[in-house]
Amino acid sequence: MSTPETSAAPARVLTLKDAIFLTVGIVVGAGIFKAPSLVAGAAGSLTAVITAWVLGGVISMIGALCYAELACAFPSAGGDYHFLARAYGKRLAFLFAWARITVIATGSIALLAFVFGDYCAQILPLGEYGPTLYAVLVVLVLTGINYLGTRQGATAQNWFTSVEVLGLFVVIAAAFFAPAASSLPSPAPAVAMAADAPLFGPGFGFAMVMVLLTFGGWNEAAYISSEVAGDKRVLARTLIISITVLTALYLAVNLAYLYGLGMAGMAKSDAVAADLLQAAWGAPGAKLLSAMVAISAFTSINSTVIVGARSAYSTGRDWPALAWLGKWDEVSDSPRRALIVQALIALALIVLGTSTRKGFETMVDFTAPVFWFFFLLTGLSLFILRRREPNAERPFRVPFYPLTPVLFCAACAYLLYSSLAYVKIGALAGLGLLAVGAVIMLLLASEKKD
């Protein structure tokens, strides 16, 4: 039986602050600059908008509590991969790892790289393929930083996240410089908001899909559970603090949009943050927004690069044919080979997205169904591991069990359905790669480690 080339393993070099900055940095991406207008248009009333964002924070907190139990009881650089392996066996875990390497993590990196490229091109155009050049460059630069070492990547992440959150405060401040919403031109009747619109109208479900997508990414903290110093409940504190901060930030930003643009102004906006900053500070405000969105995308890419390579590393530890991928570099304290493979696949997806001329949309369709399918399975694994390993030490237990994980799984199932309801070519490509992974898993099964 082959084994990985080294016995080196992840060290606890990250602090609670590092873990919080990493988690917040993953979640606060470009979505908060786009999704609020879609939520306002679908929700139908101011009360529904606020309720949707509060509910998004509540659902995310419920999910975080479930993940906190799993991460505190079974800390591993594999995160979801490790939980799925314990609950369902190495074959399903391999399928998840394949999905992360080829679809989920790399697709997210490519998606965010397109956002980064689009907004950098608005600041400094480089011709027709300028956005793609920026996208390729950011993947290479951030992979290089993390190749140097985990400590370097985490330090960079702390600075990026600080600038990113500062950008959200700029949006909040802009509301006080924009003209009062009541002084803006009256909206067309089609987008006027009825004061007595029902709270849970027909568009509220779509609004929640967009809200939860904007909150997405907090679960990535599980991938650094074996690298955070402190007591065994540190990951629980990381997730609870991070979700609380994110909910407060998102509510404040949405209140700024409502104050500066009004409900109807939000609903009809194609770029709600740009419109707010344009109203507050004119053309320089729009340029400032482009820089802010680029910074947000940059920060989220760095976070995803850090955590994405961890599942590839864990896969190499468990499958002899992929043992070369499970090498942890002692000098940099990082999975260098996994970082290189991840970068190559992300670059290939950037080329694919560029060829469709709809890179961002293609990557959203590409990742969503696969992501929510495995998110649901991870939620269900909490029930399985409670029954199968009742005596395992659980420094943190999810409160109100089993109601809390039931609610989380129901939310995952709903979003899985929503991502499949209108299947597009990107979704089919993602599901096709998952099927290829299933075939590879069957071929490797005979060599699986015990």
Protein backbone atom coordinates (compact mmCIF):
# COMPACT_ATOMS: atom_id res chain seq x y z
CA MET A 1 0.00 0.00 0.00
CA SER A 2 1.47 3.37 -0.98
CA THR A 3 1.62 6.24 1.43
CA PRO A 4 2.12 9.97 1.07
CA GLU A 5 5.70 11.02 0.60
CA THR A 6 5.98 12.80 3.92
CA SER A 7 4.59 12.57 7.39
CA ALA A 8 4.35 16.35 7.62
CA ALA A 9 0.92 17.59 8.61
CA PRO A 10 -0.88 20.90 9.15
CA ALA A 11 0.32 22.87 12.18
CA ARG A 12 -1.80 25.17 14.36
CA VAL A 13 -0.29 28.42 13.10
CA LEU A 14 -3.51 30.44 12.66
CA THR A 15 -5.12 32.56 15.37
CA LEU A 16 -8.81 33.16 16.08
CA LYS A 17 -8.43 36.54 14.38
CA ASP A 18 -6.91 34.90 11.29
CA ALA A 19 -9.81 32.44 11.10
CA ILE A 20 -12.43 35.19 11.43
CA PHE A 21 -10.76 37.38 8.80
CA LEU A 22 -10.50 34.39 6.48
CA THR A 23 -14.19 33.49 6.90
CA VAL A 24 -15.46 37.04 6.49
CA GLY A 25 -13.15 37.51 3.51
CA ILE A 26 -14.61 34.49 1.73
CA VAL A 27 -18.22 35.55 2.26
CA VAL A 28 -18.00 39.27 1.49
CA GLY A 29 -17.54 39.05 -2.25
CA ALA A 30 -19.12 40.83 -5.20
CA GLY A 31 -22.62 39.59 -4.28
CA ILE A 32 -23.38 42.39 -1.81
CA PHE A 33 -22.81 44.91 -4.64
CA LYS A 34 -25.30 43.15 -6.97
CA ALA A 35 -27.79 40.97 -5.10
CA PRO A 36 -29.61 43.69 -3.08
CA SER A 37 -31.29 45.16 -6.17
CA LEU A 38 -32.51 41.70 -7.22
CA VAL A 39 -33.77 41.05 -3.69
CA ALA A 40 -35.62 44.39 -3.62
CA GLY A 41 -37.25 43.71 -6.98
CA ALA A 42 -38.38 40.21 -5.99
CA ALA A 43 -39.37 40.81 -2.36
CA GLY A 44 -41.96 43.47 -3.12
CA SER A 45 -41.85 45.54 0.07
CA LEU A 46 -39.39 47.17 2.44
CA THR A 47 -40.45 44.81 5.25
CA ALA A 48 -39.85 41.80 3.02
CA VAL A 49 -36.37 43.05 2.06
CA ILE A 50 -35.28 43.50 5.67
CA THR A 51 -36.88 40.17 6.64
CA ALA A 52 -35.02 38.37 3.83
CA TRP A 53 -31.61 39.63 4.97
CA VAL A 54 -32.31 38.91 8.63
CA LEU A 55 -33.57 35.43 7.72
CA GLY A 56 -30.45 34.88 5.61
CA GLY A 57 -28.32 35.60 8.66
CA VAL A 58 -30.44 33.29 10.82
CA ILE A 59 -30.23 30.38 8.35
CA SER A 60 -26.49 30.91 7.97
CA MET A 61 -26.10 30.87 11.75
CA ILE A 62 -28.08 27.62 11.96
CA GLY A 63 -25.79 26.08 9.37
CA ALA A 64 -22.72 27.45 11.15
CA LEU A 65 -23.81 25.80 14.41
CA CYS A 66 -24.07 22.45 12.61
CA TYR A 67 -20.65 22.87 11.04
CA ALA A 68 -19.21 23.98 14.37
CA GLU A 69 -20.12 20.64 15.95
CA LEU A 70 -18.58 18.69 13.07
CA ALA A 71 -15.41 20.81 12.92
CA CYS A 72 -14.83 20.78 16.70
CA ALA A 73 -15.45 17.03 16.98
CA PHE A 74 -13.53 16.01 13.85
CA PRO A 75 -10.95 18.74 13.03
CA SER A 76 -9.23 18.14 9.70
CA ALA A 77 -7.73 20.04 6.78
CA GLY A 78 -10.25 18.13 4.65
CA GLY A 79 -13.28 19.92 6.08
CA ASP A 80 -16.43 18.59 4.42
CA TYR A 81 -14.38 15.84 2.80
CA HIS A 82 -13.43 14.48 6.21
CA PHE A 83 -17.01 14.67 7.53
CA LEU A 84 -18.40 12.91 4.45
CA ALA A 85 -15.74 10.20 4.64
CA ARG A 86 -16.64 9.40 8.25
CA ALA A 87 -20.36 9.43 7.57
CA TYR A 88 -20.63 7.79 4.13
CA GLY A 89 -17.25 6.21 3.40
CA LYS A 90 -14.24 7.10 1.28
CA ARG A 91 -15.97 6.58 -2.07
CA LEU A 92 -18.52 9.35 -1.62
CA ALA A 93 -15.84 11.52 -0.03
CA PHE A 94 -13.70 11.03 -3.13
CA LEU A 95 -16.61 12.14 -5.31
CA PHE A 96 -16.92 15.29 -3.20
CA ALA A 97 -13.18 15.94 -3.41
CA TRP A 98 -13.33 15.51 -7.17
CA ALA A 99 -16.24 17.96 -7.28
CA ARG A 100 -14.33 20.50 -5.20
CA ILE A 101 -11.17 20.20 -7.27
CA THR A 102 -12.91 20.37 -10.66
CA VAL A 103 -16.14 22.31 -9.98
CA ILE A 104 -16.77 23.91 -6.57
CA ALA A 105 -13.52 25.52 -5.39
CA THR A 106 -11.93 26.01 -8.80
CA GLY A 107 -15.23 27.22 -10.28
CA SER A 108 -15.54 29.75 -7.46
CA ILE A 109 -11.99 30.94 -8.05
CA ALA A 110 -12.70 31.36 -11.78
CA LEU A 111 -16.02 33.10 -11.08
CA LEU A 112 -14.41 35.60 -8.72
CA ALA A 113 -11.48 36.07 -11.10
CA PHE A 114 -13.94 37.16 -13.80
CA VAL A 115 -15.44 39.71 -11.40
CA PHE A 116 -11.95 40.96 -10.54
CA GLY A 117 -11.03 41.18 -14.22
CA ASP A 118 -14.21 43.01 -15.26
CA TYR A 119 -13.81 45.72 -12.63
CA CYS A 120 -10.05 46.12 -13.06
CA ALA A 121 -10.68 46.62 -16.78
CA GLN A 122 -12.98 49.54 -15.93
CA ILE A 123 -10.18 51.18 -13.97
CA LEU A 124 -7.33 50.39 -16.40
CA PRO A 125 -8.52 48.92 -19.75
CA LEU A 126 -6.18 46.47 -21.49
CA GLY A 127 -8.16 45.81 -24.66
CA GLU A 128 -10.71 43.17 -25.60
CA TYR A 129 -9.12 40.43 -23.52
CA GLY A 130 -8.13 42.69 -20.65
CA PRO A 131 -10.59 41.15 -18.17
CA THR A 132 -9.26 37.67 -18.95
CA LEU A 133 -5.66 38.82 -18.52
CA TYR A 134 -6.51 40.31 -15.13
CA ALA A 135 -8.34 37.10 -14.17
CA VAL A 136 -5.34 34.94 -15.07
CA LEU A 137 -2.95 37.30 -13.30
CA VAL A 138 -4.87 37.30 -10.00
CA VAL A 139 -4.97 33.49 -9.89
CA LEU A 140 -1.21 33.29 -10.51
CA VAL A 141 -0.35 36.00 -7.96
CA LEU A 142 -2.51 34.63 -5.14
CA THR A 143 -1.42 31.05 -5.75
CA GLY A 144 2.17 32.29 -5.58
CA ILE A 145 1.59 34.07 -2.26
CA ASN A 146 0.09 30.97 -0.69
CA TYR A 147 2.79 28.78 -2.24
CA LEU A 148 5.28 30.75 -0.16
CA GLY A 149 3.48 29.68 3.00
CA THR A 150 0.28 29.53 5.03
CA ARG A 151 1.44 32.34 7.32
CA GLN A 152 2.07 34.64 4.35
CA GLY A 153 -1.34 33.82 2.88
CA ALA A 154 -3.11 34.46 6.18
CA THR A 155 -1.30 37.77 6.75
CA ALA A 156 -2.24 38.94 3.27
CA GLN A 157 -5.82 37.82 3.90
CA ASN A 158 -6.06 39.92 7.08
CA TRP A 159 -5.05 43.05 5.18
CA PHE A 160 -7.31 42.31 2.22
CA THR A 161 -10.32 41.68 4.43
CA SER A 162 -9.71 44.89 6.38
CA VAL A 163 -9.73 46.91 3.14
CA GLU A 164 -12.77 44.98 1.90
CA VAL A 165 -14.83 45.69 5.02
CA LEU A 166 -13.70 49.32 4.91
CA GLY A 167 -15.18 49.43 1.41
CA LEU A 168 -18.57 48.40 2.80
CA PHE A 169 -18.36 51.25 5.28
CA VAL A 170 -17.71 53.58 2.33
CA VAL A 171 -20.99 52.37 0.79
CA ILE A 172 -22.78 52.99 4.08
CA ALA A 173 -21.27 56.48 4.33
CA ALA A 174 -22.28 57.27 0.73
CA ALA A 175 -25.94 57.07 1.70
CA PHE A 176 -25.53 60.23 3.77
CA PHE A 177 -24.07 62.15 0.82
CA ALA A 178 -26.58 60.99 -1.80
CA PRO A 179 -29.71 63.07 -2.47
CA ALA A 180 -32.68 62.05 -0.33
CA ALA A 181 -34.58 59.20 -1.93
CA SER A 182 -37.73 61.32 -1.96
CA SER A 183 -36.02 63.84 -4.26
CA LEU A 184 -35.19 61.24 -6.91
CA PRO A 185 -37.36 60.97 -10.05
CA SER A 186 -40.53 58.97 -9.50
CA PRO A 187 -40.15 55.31 -10.53
CA ALA A 188 -42.13 53.75 -13.31
CA PRO A 189 -45.38 52.13 -12.10
CA ALA A 190 -44.00 48.68 -12.94
CA VAL A 191 -41.37 48.96 -10.23
CA ALA A 192 -43.30 50.98 -7.68
CA MET A 193 -43.53 49.16 -4.36
CA ALA A 194 -46.95 48.64 -2.85
CA ALA A 195 -47.03 49.48 0.83
CA ASP A 196 -49.37 46.59 1.55
CA ALA A 197 -47.48 43.96 -0.48
CA PRO A 198 -47.62 40.54 1.25
CA LEU A 199 -44.53 39.60 3.22
CA PHE A 200 -44.12 36.17 1.65
CA GLY A 201 -45.18 36.95 -1.89
CA PRO A 202 -44.38 34.84 -4.98
CA GLY A 203 -40.97 36.48 -5.39
CA PHE A 204 -39.80 35.96 -1.82
CA GLY A 205 -38.33 32.52 -2.60
CA PHE A 206 -36.11 33.97 -5.32
CA ALA A 207 -35.12 36.78 -2.96
CA MET A 208 -33.99 34.21 -0.38
CA VAL A 209 -31.95 32.33 -3.00
CA MET A 210 -30.02 35.53 -3.77
CA VAL A 211 -29.60 36.40 -0.08
CA LEU A 212 -28.24 32.96 0.81
CA LEU A 213 -25.90 33.00 -2.17
CA THR A 214 -24.54 36.31 -0.86
CA PHE A 215 -24.02 34.73 2.57
CA GLY A 216 -22.36 31.66 1.04
CA GLY A 217 -18.82 30.61 1.94
CA TRP A 218 -18.81 30.58 5.75
CA ASN A 219 -18.54 26.77 5.73
CA GLU A 220 -15.02 27.05 4.32
CA ALA A 221 -13.77 27.71 7.86
CA ALA A 222 -14.01 23.95 8.42
CA TYR A 223 -10.98 23.46 6.15
CA ILE A 224 -8.68 25.23 8.59
CA SER A 225 -10.07 23.51 11.71
CA SER A 226 -6.78 21.65 12.26
CA GLU A 227 -4.67 24.80 11.80
CA VAL A 228 -6.28 27.21 14.29
CA ALA A 229 -4.59 27.51 17.67
CA GLY A 230 -6.67 27.58 20.83
CA ASP A 231 -9.08 25.31 22.65
CA LYS A 232 -11.34 22.79 20.94
CA ARG A 233 -14.25 25.23 20.64
CA VAL A 234 -12.29 27.84 18.68
CA LEU A 235 -13.99 26.98 15.37
CA ALA A 236 -17.41 27.42 16.97
CA ARG A 237 -16.41 30.91 18.11
CA THR A 238 -14.98 31.65 14.66
CA LEU A 239 -18.24 30.79 12.90
CA ILE A 240 -20.56 32.47 15.40
CA ILE A 241 -18.57 35.72 15.43
CA SER A 242 -18.16 35.72 11.64
CA ILE A 243 -21.87 35.20 10.90
CA THR A 244 -22.84 37.86 13.45
CA VAL A 245 -20.46 40.39 11.87
CA LEU A 246 -21.61 39.51 8.35
CA THR A 247 -25.31 39.84 9.21
CA ALA A 248 -24.74 43.24 10.80
CA LEU A 249 -22.70 44.45 7.80
CA TYR A 250 -25.22 43.22 5.24
CA LEU A 251 -28.13 44.82 7.07
CA ALA A 252 -26.27 48.13 7.34
CA VAL A 253 -25.36 48.12 3.64
CA ASN A 254 -28.95 47.36 2.61
CA LEU A 255 -30.29 50.11 4.86
CA ALA A 256 -27.79 52.45 3.17
CA TYR A 257 -29.12 51.46 -0.26
CA LEU A 258 -32.70 51.99 0.92
CA TYR A 259 -31.87 55.35 2.49
CA GLY A 260 -29.91 56.65 -0.49
CA LEU A 261 -31.94 55.24 -3.39
CA GLY A 262 -35.31 54.28 -1.97
CA MET A 263 -37.05 50.95 -2.44
CA ALA A 264 -37.99 51.57 -6.06
CA GLY A 265 -34.55 52.96 -6.86
CA MET A 266 -32.96 49.75 -5.56
CA ALA A 267 -35.35 47.53 -7.51
CA LYS A 268 -34.69 49.17 -10.89
CA SER A 269 -30.92 49.43 -10.45
CA ASP A 270 -28.57 47.19 -12.44
CA ALA A 271 -25.64 48.13 -10.19
CA VAL A 272 -27.07 49.34 -6.91
CA ALA A 273 -23.78 50.21 -5.21
CA ALA A 274 -22.54 52.05 -8.30
CA ASP A 275 -25.76 54.06 -8.47
CA LEU A 276 -25.47 55.00 -4.81
CA LEU A 277 -21.86 56.12 -5.12
CA GLN A 278 -22.63 57.90 -8.39
CA ALA A 279 -25.42 59.80 -6.63
CA ALA A 280 -23.13 60.65 -3.74
CA TRP A 281 -19.87 61.57 -5.50
CA GLY A 282 -20.44 61.46 -9.27
CA ALA A 283 -18.04 59.72 -11.69
CA PRO A 284 -15.23 59.42 -9.12
CA GLY A 285 -17.68 57.51 -6.94
CA ALA A 286 -18.25 54.99 -9.74
CA LYS A 287 -14.47 54.53 -10.11
CA LEU A 288 -14.19 54.03 -6.38
CA LEU A 289 -16.83 51.32 -6.52
CA SER A 290 -14.93 49.49 -9.28
CA ALA A 291 -11.86 49.44 -7.04
CA MET A 292 -13.94 48.23 -4.08
CA VAL A 293 -15.52 45.35 -6.00
CA ALA A 294 -12.10 44.35 -7.36
CA ILE A 295 -10.72 44.31 -3.81
CA SER A 296 -13.68 42.23 -2.61
CA ALA A 297 -13.18 39.69 -5.40
CA PHE A 298 -9.42 39.64 -4.75
CA THR A 299 -10.00 38.92 -1.07
CA SER A 300 -12.49 36.13 -1.72
CA ILE A 301 -10.17 34.53 -4.29
CA ASN A 302 -7.32 34.47 -1.78
CA SER A 303 -9.56 32.85 0.84
CA THR A 304 -10.79 30.25 -1.62
CA VAL A 305 -7.25 29.47 -2.77
CA ILE A 306 -6.25 28.83 0.85
CA VAL A 307 -9.13 26.51 1.74
CA GLY A 308 -9.67 24.93 -1.68
CA ALA A 309 -6.28 23.25 -1.77
CA ARG A 310 -6.91 21.58 1.60
CA SER A 311 -9.52 19.16 0.27
CA ALA A 312 -7.23 18.15 -2.62
CA TYR A 313 -4.49 17.49 -0.06
CA SER A 314 -6.83 15.30 2.03
CA THR A 315 -7.83 13.31 -1.04
CA GLY A 316 -4.18 12.50 -1.73
CA ARG A 317 -3.82 11.26 1.85
CA ASP A 318 -6.59 8.69 1.36
CA TRP A 319 -6.14 7.40 -2.20
CA PRO A 320 -2.84 5.69 -3.16
CA ALA A 321 -3.10 6.68 -6.82
CA LEU A 322 -3.22 10.33 -5.74
CA ALA A 323 -0.62 10.14 -2.94
CA TRP A 324 1.51 12.75 -4.72
CA LEU A 325 -1.30 15.25 -4.11
CA GLY A 326 -1.29 14.54 -0.36
CA LYS A 327 2.16 15.98 0.29
CA TRP A 328 2.30 18.75 2.91
CA ASP A 329 5.35 20.97 2.46
CA GLU A 330 7.16 21.45 5.78
CA VAL A 331 9.07 24.57 4.72
CA SER A 332 6.01 26.60 3.70
CA ASP A 333 3.54 24.71 5.93
CA SER A 334 1.18 24.48 2.96
CA PRO A 335 -0.07 21.87 0.42
CA ARG A 336 2.06 23.18 -2.44
CA ARG A 337 1.23 20.49 -4.99
CA ALA A 338 -2.49 20.85 -4.36
CA LEU A 339 -2.16 24.62 -4.83
CA ILE A 340 -0.52 24.12 -8.24
CA VAL A 341 -3.16 21.65 -9.44
CA GLN A 342 -5.94 23.92 -8.23
CA ALA A 343 -4.46 26.90 -10.10
CA LEU A 344 -4.13 24.95 -13.35
CA ILE A 345 -7.77 23.84 -13.26
CA ALA A 346 -8.98 27.35 -12.37
CA LEU A 347 -7.01 28.76 -15.30
CA ALA A 348 -8.60 26.18 -17.62
CA LEU A 349 -12.06 27.24 -16.40
CA ILE A 350 -11.19 30.88 -17.06
CA VAL A 351 -10.36 29.94 -20.64
CA LEU A 352 -13.66 28.03 -20.87
CA GLY A 353 -15.66 30.94 -19.47
CA THR A 354 -13.95 33.39 -21.81
CA SER A 355 -14.88 31.22 -24.80
CA THR A 356 -18.59 31.47 -23.88
CA ARG A 357 -18.33 35.27 -23.51
CA LYS A 358 -20.44 34.95 -20.34
CA GLY A 359 -17.78 33.92 -17.88
CA PHE A 360 -19.43 34.96 -14.62
CA GLU A 361 -22.89 33.57 -15.46
CA THR A 362 -21.41 30.33 -16.78
CA MET A 363 -19.43 29.75 -13.59
CA VAL A 364 -22.50 30.45 -11.37
CA ASP A 365 -24.51 27.83 -13.28
CA PHE A 366 -21.49 25.51 -13.28
CA THR A 367 -21.03 25.40 -9.50
CA ALA A 368 -24.47 25.85 -7.86
CA PRO A 369 -26.18 22.42 -8.21
CA VAL A 370 -23.06 20.45 -7.23
CA PHE A 371 -22.37 22.75 -4.28
CA TRP A 372 -25.85 22.49 -2.74
CA PHE A 373 -25.98 18.72 -3.27
CA PHE A 374 -22.90 18.15 -1.14
CA PHE A 375 -23.89 20.85 1.34
CA LEU A 376 -27.08 18.87 1.97
CA LEU A 377 -25.12 15.63 2.44
CA THR A 378 -22.81 17.34 4.94
CA GLY A 379 -25.81 18.52 6.95
CA LEU A 380 -27.22 14.98 6.99
CA SER A 381 -23.84 13.63 8.13
CA LEU A 382 -24.40 15.30 11.50
CA PHE A 383 -27.27 12.88 12.18
CA ILE A 384 -25.27 9.90 10.96
CA LEU A 385 -22.20 10.67 13.06
CA ARG A 386 -24.29 11.36 16.18
CA ARG A 387 -25.69 7.84 15.83
CA ARG A 388 -22.55 6.06 14.62
CA GLU A 389 -20.04 7.71 16.97
CA PRO A 390 -22.06 8.63 20.06
CA ASN A 391 -19.00 8.51 22.33
CA ALA A 392 -16.81 10.81 20.24
CA GLU A 393 -15.71 13.91 22.12
CA ARG A 394 -17.85 16.85 21.05
CA PRO A 395 -16.48 20.06 22.57
CA PHE A 396 -19.38 21.91 20.94
CA ARG A 397 -22.87 20.48 20.38
CA VAL A 398 -25.39 22.13 18.11
CA PRO A 399 -28.22 23.56 20.28
CA PHE A 400 -31.84 22.40 19.91
CA TYR A 401 -30.83 19.16 18.20
CA PRO A 402 -32.42 17.72 16.03
CA LEU A 403 -34.48 20.79 15.03
CA THR A 404 -31.45 22.92 14.13
CA PRO A 405 -29.88 20.51 11.60
CA VAL A 406 -33.34 19.65 10.18
CA LEU A 407 -33.87 23.33 9.36
CA PHE A 408 -30.41 23.54 7.82
CA CYS A 409 -30.96 20.48 5.62
CA ALA A 410 -34.36 21.81 4.51
CA ALA A 411 -32.74 25.07 3.39
CA CYS A 412 -30.06 23.14 1.46
CA ALA A 413 -32.69 20.98 -0.25
CA TYR A 414 -34.63 24.07 -1.28
CA LEU A 415 -31.56 25.72 -2.80
CA LEU A 416 -30.60 22.51 -4.60
CA TYR A 417 -34.06 22.44 -6.16
CA SER A 418 -33.81 26.12 -7.07
CA SER A 419 -30.42 25.65 -8.75
CA LEU A 420 -31.83 22.82 -10.89
CA ALA A 421 -35.19 24.43 -11.69
CA TYR A 422 -33.80 26.32 -14.67
CA VAL A 423 -30.94 24.13 -15.90
CA LYS A 424 -28.50 25.91 -18.19
CA ILE A 425 -25.44 24.74 -20.09
CA GLY A 426 -23.11 25.59 -17.21
CA ALA A 427 -25.09 23.42 -14.78
CA LEU A 428 -25.03 20.52 -17.23
CA ALA A 429 -21.25 20.87 -17.54
CA GLY A 430 -20.84 20.78 -13.76
CA LEU A 431 -23.07 17.72 -13.42
CA GLY A 432 -21.21 16.08 -16.31
CA LEU A 433 -17.89 16.51 -14.51
CA LEU A 434 -19.45 15.01 -11.39
CA ALA A 435 -20.43 11.94 -13.46
CA VAL A 436 -16.85 11.67 -14.76
CA GLY A 437 -15.68 11.74 -11.15
CA ALA A 438 -18.01 8.85 -10.33
CA VAL A 439 -16.41 6.75 -13.07
CA ILE A 440 -12.90 7.59 -11.82
CA MET A 441 -13.97 6.75 -8.28
CA LEU A 442 -15.09 3.28 -9.39
CA LEU A 443 -11.77 2.73 -11.19
CA LEU A 444 -9.79 3.74 -8.10
CA ALA A 445 -11.98 1.88 -5.62
CA SER A 446 -9.90 -1.30 -5.81
CA GLU A 447 -6.84 0.67 -4.66
CA LYS A 448 -8.62 2.50 -1.84
CA LYS A 449 -6.88 2.57 1.50
CA ASP A 450 -8.51 0.75 4.35
